[in-house]
Amino acid sequence: MRIGEVADATGTATTTLRYYEQRGLLRDPPRTTSGYRDYAAEDLDRVAFIRDAQAAGLTLEQIREVMAIRDRGEPPCHHLAEIVAERLDEVEQRIADLRRTRARLREVRNRLESLDPAGCDAGEVCSAIG
């Protein structure tokens, strides 16, 4: 199947499929006599896995590692569990950081709402922050 057919079947741009090949997520497909990529049906499953794993928050490098384990004929479950645990910790930390940022922004917004610009000190950038 040609790259356009894979793109249509998976909802993935052809440039993305080429990028997946460059990153080692998809094997280089054989070429037809006219030079077109000739993808196999299992490539559709690989693309679906890549997209699902990305939607779950995994990086392309993490996905490549999992797929490499599977390509060696080994189950990647334990490695994937470690990756997911690490990634979940990162996301939880990022959420905590974003909550602190949100609280700080709300404080600044509240100060700005009650701030009289006429009373601003010319030597400060803005007293609402700080």
C-alpha atoms as a PDB file:
ATOM      1  CA  MET A   1       0.000   0.000   0.000  1.00  0.00           C
ATOM      2  CA  ARG A   2       1.336   3.440  -0.908  1.00  0.00           C
ATOM      3  CA  ILE A   3       2.065   6.206   1.582  1.00  0.00           C
ATOM      4  CA  GLY A   4      -1.073   8.151   0.636  1.00  0.00           C
ATOM      5  CA  GLU A   5      -3.221   5.114   1.357  1.00  0.00           C
ATOM      6  CA  VAL A   6      -1.587   4.666   4.771  1.00  0.00           C
ATOM      7  CA  ALA A   7      -2.060   8.367   5.457  1.00  0.00           C
ATOM      8  CA  ASP A   8      -5.746   8.196   4.541  1.00  0.00           C
ATOM      9  CA  ALA A   9      -6.336   4.985   6.505  1.00  0.00           C
ATOM     10  CA  THR A  10      -4.674   6.313   9.664  1.00  0.00           C
ATOM     11  CA  GLY A  11      -5.504  10.014   9.481  1.00  0.00           C
ATOM     12  CA  THR A  12      -1.796  10.806   9.461  1.00  0.00           C
ATOM     13  CA  ALA A  13      -0.011  13.196   7.107  1.00  0.00           C
ATOM     14  CA  THR A  14       2.457  11.696   4.656  1.00  0.00           C
ATOM     15  CA  THR A  15       5.164  13.982   6.042  1.00  0.00           C
ATOM     16  CA  THR A  16       4.506  12.529   9.488  1.00  0.00           C
ATOM     17  CA  LEU A  17       4.829   8.990   8.158  1.00  0.00           C
ATOM     18  CA  ARG A  18       8.180   9.878   6.579  1.00  0.00           C
ATOM     19  CA  TYR A  19       9.244  11.433   9.876  1.00  0.00           C
ATOM     20  CA  TYR A  20       8.286   8.239  11.723  1.00  0.00           C
ATOM     21  CA  GLU A  21      10.526   6.341   9.303  1.00  0.00           C
ATOM     22  CA  GLN A  22      13.423   8.740   9.915  1.00  0.00           C
ATOM     23  CA  ARG A  23      13.016   8.355  13.681  1.00  0.00           C
ATOM     24  CA  GLY A  24      12.967   4.551  13.460  1.00  0.00           C
ATOM     25  CA  LEU A  25       9.327   4.151  14.460  1.00  0.00           C
ATOM     26  CA  LEU A  26       8.392   2.657  11.107  1.00  0.00           C
ATOM     27  CA  ARG A  27      10.684   0.336   9.226  1.00  0.00           C
ATOM     28  CA  ASP A  28      11.800   1.514   5.822  1.00  0.00           C
ATOM     29  CA  PRO A  29       9.198  -0.059   3.566  1.00  0.00           C
ATOM     30  CA  PRO A  30      10.254  -1.881   0.458  1.00  0.00           C
ATOM     31  CA  ARG A  31       9.901   0.058  -2.778  1.00  0.00           C
ATOM     32  CA  THR A  32       7.878  -0.767  -5.820  1.00  0.00           C
ATOM     33  CA  THR A  33       9.664  -1.001  -9.156  1.00  0.00           C
ATOM     34  CA  SER A  34       8.662   2.598  -9.776  1.00  0.00           C
ATOM     35  CA  GLY A  35      10.201   3.684  -6.449  1.00  0.00           C
ATOM     36  CA  TYR A  36       7.071   4.171  -4.350  1.00  0.00           C
ATOM     37  CA  ARG A  37       7.013   3.074  -0.730  1.00  0.00           C
ATOM     38  CA  ASP A  38       5.070  -0.177  -0.371  1.00  0.00           C
ATOM     39  CA  TYR A  39       3.696  -0.430   3.164  1.00  0.00           C
ATOM     40  CA  ALA A  40       2.358  -3.630   4.687  1.00  0.00           C
ATOM     41  CA  ALA A  41      -0.923  -3.977   6.567  1.00  0.00           C
ATOM     42  CA  GLU A  42       0.912  -4.245   9.921  1.00  0.00           C
ATOM     43  CA  ASP A  43       2.264  -0.738   9.360  1.00  0.00           C
ATOM     44  CA  LEU A  44      -1.276   0.524   9.910  1.00  0.00           C
ATOM     45  CA  ASP A  45      -1.204  -1.072  13.369  1.00  0.00           C
ATOM     46  CA  ARG A  46       2.176   0.509  14.111  1.00  0.00           C
ATOM     47  CA  VAL A  47       0.929   3.954  13.123  1.00  0.00           C
ATOM     48  CA  ALA A  48      -2.195   3.460  15.250  1.00  0.00           C
ATOM     49  CA  PHE A  49      -0.012   2.446  18.203  1.00  0.00           C
ATOM     50  CA  ILE A  50       2.232   5.490  17.735  1.00  0.00           C
ATOM     51  CA  ARG A  51      -0.737   7.839  17.640  1.00  0.00           C
ATOM     52  CA  ASP A  52      -2.413   6.195  20.659  1.00  0.00           C
ATOM     53  CA  ALA A  53       0.825   6.264  22.644  1.00  0.00           C
ATOM     54  CA  GLN A  54       1.342   9.936  21.802  1.00  0.00           C
ATOM     55  CA  ALA A  55      -2.223  10.679  22.886  1.00  0.00           C
ATOM     56  CA  ALA A  56      -1.403   8.949  26.183  1.00  0.00           C
ATOM     57  CA  GLY A  57       1.483  11.382  26.641  1.00  0.00           C
ATOM     58  CA  LEU A  58       4.475   9.300  25.582  1.00  0.00           C
ATOM     59  CA  THR A  59       7.312  10.870  23.626  1.00  0.00           C
ATOM     60  CA  LEU A  60       8.389   9.521  20.254  1.00  0.00           C
ATOM     61  CA  GLU A  61      11.633   8.305  21.804  1.00  0.00           C
ATOM     62  CA  GLN A  62       9.736   6.371  24.464  1.00  0.00           C
ATOM     63  CA  ILE A  63       7.477   4.907  21.804  1.00  0.00           C
ATOM     64  CA  ARG A  64      10.496   3.911  19.723  1.00  0.00           C
ATOM     65  CA  GLU A  65      11.981   2.088  22.735  1.00  0.00           C
ATOM     66  CA  VAL A  66       8.764   0.128  23.315  1.00  0.00           C
ATOM     67  CA  MET A  67       8.466  -0.786  19.654  1.00  0.00           C
ATOM     68  CA  ALA A  68      12.122  -1.881  19.519  1.00  0.00           C
ATOM     69  CA  ILE A  69      11.509  -4.291  22.387  1.00  0.00           C
ATOM     70  CA  ARG A  70       8.458  -5.702  20.605  1.00  0.00           C
ATOM     71  CA  ASP A  71      10.454  -5.961  17.362  1.00  0.00           C
ATOM     72  CA  ARG A  72      12.973  -8.155  19.191  1.00  0.00           C
ATOM     73  CA  GLY A  73      10.085 -10.504  19.981  1.00  0.00           C
ATOM     74  CA  GLU A  74       9.902  -9.567  23.653  1.00  0.00           C
ATOM     75  CA  PRO A  75       6.843  -8.251  25.464  1.00  0.00           C
ATOM     76  CA  PRO A  76       7.409  -4.560  26.297  1.00  0.00           C
ATOM     77  CA  CYS A  77       4.959  -4.466  29.221  1.00  0.00           C
ATOM     78  CA  HIS A  78       7.475  -4.036  32.067  1.00  0.00           C
ATOM     79  CA  HIS A  79       9.448  -1.382  30.216  1.00  0.00           C
ATOM     80  CA  LEU A  80       6.239   0.388  29.252  1.00  0.00           C
ATOM     81  CA  ALA A  81       5.083   0.317  32.890  1.00  0.00           C
ATOM     82  CA  GLU A  82       8.308   2.071  33.914  1.00  0.00           C
ATOM     83  CA  ILE A  83       7.934   4.670  31.175  1.00  0.00           C
ATOM     84  CA  VAL A  84       4.310   5.319  32.081  1.00  0.00           C
ATOM     85  CA  ALA A  85       5.173   5.702  35.780  1.00  0.00           C
ATOM     86  CA  GLU A  86       7.954   8.190  34.971  1.00  0.00           C
ATOM     87  CA  ARG A  87       5.783  10.098  32.545  1.00  0.00           C
ATOM     88  CA  LEU A  88       2.905  10.215  35.022  1.00  0.00           C
ATOM     89  CA  ASP A  89       5.257  11.655  37.663  1.00  0.00           C
ATOM     90  CA  GLU A  90       6.372  14.310  35.171  1.00  0.00           C
ATOM     91  CA  VAL A  91       2.776  15.193  34.327  1.00  0.00           C
ATOM     92  CA  GLU A  92       1.782  15.363  38.005  1.00  0.00           C
ATOM     93  CA  GLN A  93       4.721  17.721  38.658  1.00  0.00           C
ATOM     94  CA  ARG A  94       3.777  19.856  35.677  1.00  0.00           C
ATOM     95  CA  ILE A  95       0.170  20.054  36.914  1.00  0.00           C
ATOM     96  CA  ALA A  96       1.404  21.177  40.340  1.00  0.00           C
ATOM     97  CA  ASP A  97       3.611  23.810  38.670  1.00  0.00           C
ATOM     98  CA  LEU A  98       0.698  25.022  36.560  1.00  0.00           C
ATOM     99  CA  ARG A  99      -1.544  25.270  39.639  1.00  0.00           C
ATOM    100  CA  ARG A 100       1.066  27.456  41.368  1.00  0.00           C
ATOM    101  CA  THR A 101       1.347  29.589  38.233  1.00  0.00           C
ATOM    102  CA  ARG A 102      -2.443  29.930  38.047  1.00  0.00           C
ATOM    103  CA  ALA A 103      -2.627  31.016  41.684  1.00  0.00           C
ATOM    104  CA  ARG A 104       0.121  33.592  41.137  1.00  0.00           C
ATOM    105  CA  LEU A 105      -1.555  34.939  38.007  1.00  0.00           C
ATOM    106  CA  ARG A 106      -4.845  35.286  39.874  1.00  0.00           C
ATOM    107  CA  GLU A 107      -3.078  37.268  42.604  1.00  0.00           C
ATOM    108  CA  VAL A 108      -1.559  39.607  40.017  1.00  0.00           C
ATOM    109  CA  ARG A 109      -4.885  39.953  38.196  1.00  0.00           C
ATOM    110  CA  ASN A 110      -6.634  40.862  41.469  1.00  0.00           C
ATOM    111  CA  ARG A 111      -4.010  43.489  42.253  1.00  0.00           C
ATOM    112  CA  LEU A 112      -4.299  44.904  38.731  1.00  0.00           C
ATOM    113  CA  GLU A 113      -8.085  45.159  39.013  1.00  0.00           C
ATOM    114  CA  SER A 114      -7.773  47.390  42.074  1.00  0.00           C
ATOM    115  CA  LEU A 115      -4.670  49.268  40.958  1.00  0.00           C
ATOM    116  CA  ASP A 116      -4.930  52.965  40.210  1.00  0.00           C
ATOM    117  CA  PRO A 117      -2.390  53.775  37.471  1.00  0.00           C
ATOM    118  CA  ALA A 118      -2.225  57.359  38.729  1.00  0.00           C
ATOM    119  CA  GLY A 119      -0.592  56.092  41.914  1.00  0.00           C
ATOM    120  CA  CYS A 120       2.150  54.109  40.156  1.00  0.00           C
ATOM    121  CA  ASP A 121       5.723  54.931  41.066  1.00  0.00           C
ATOM    122  CA  ALA A 122       7.622  56.106  37.986  1.00  0.00           C
ATOM    123  CA  GLY A 123      10.681  54.167  39.160  1.00  0.00           C
ATOM    124  CA  GLU A 124       8.920  50.789  39.082  1.00  0.00           C
ATOM    125  CA  VAL A 125       7.918  48.762  36.079  1.00  0.00           C
ATOM    126  CA  CYS A 126       4.656  47.666  37.699  1.00  0.00           C
ATOM    127  CA  SER A 127       3.859  47.256  41.373  1.00  0.00           C
ATOM    128  CA  ALA A 128       1.233  44.591  40.683  1.00  0.00           C
ATOM    129  CA  ILE A 129       4.022  42.073  40.166  1.00  0.00           C
ATOM    130  CA  GLY A 130       6.322  41.712  43.069  1.00  0.00           C
END
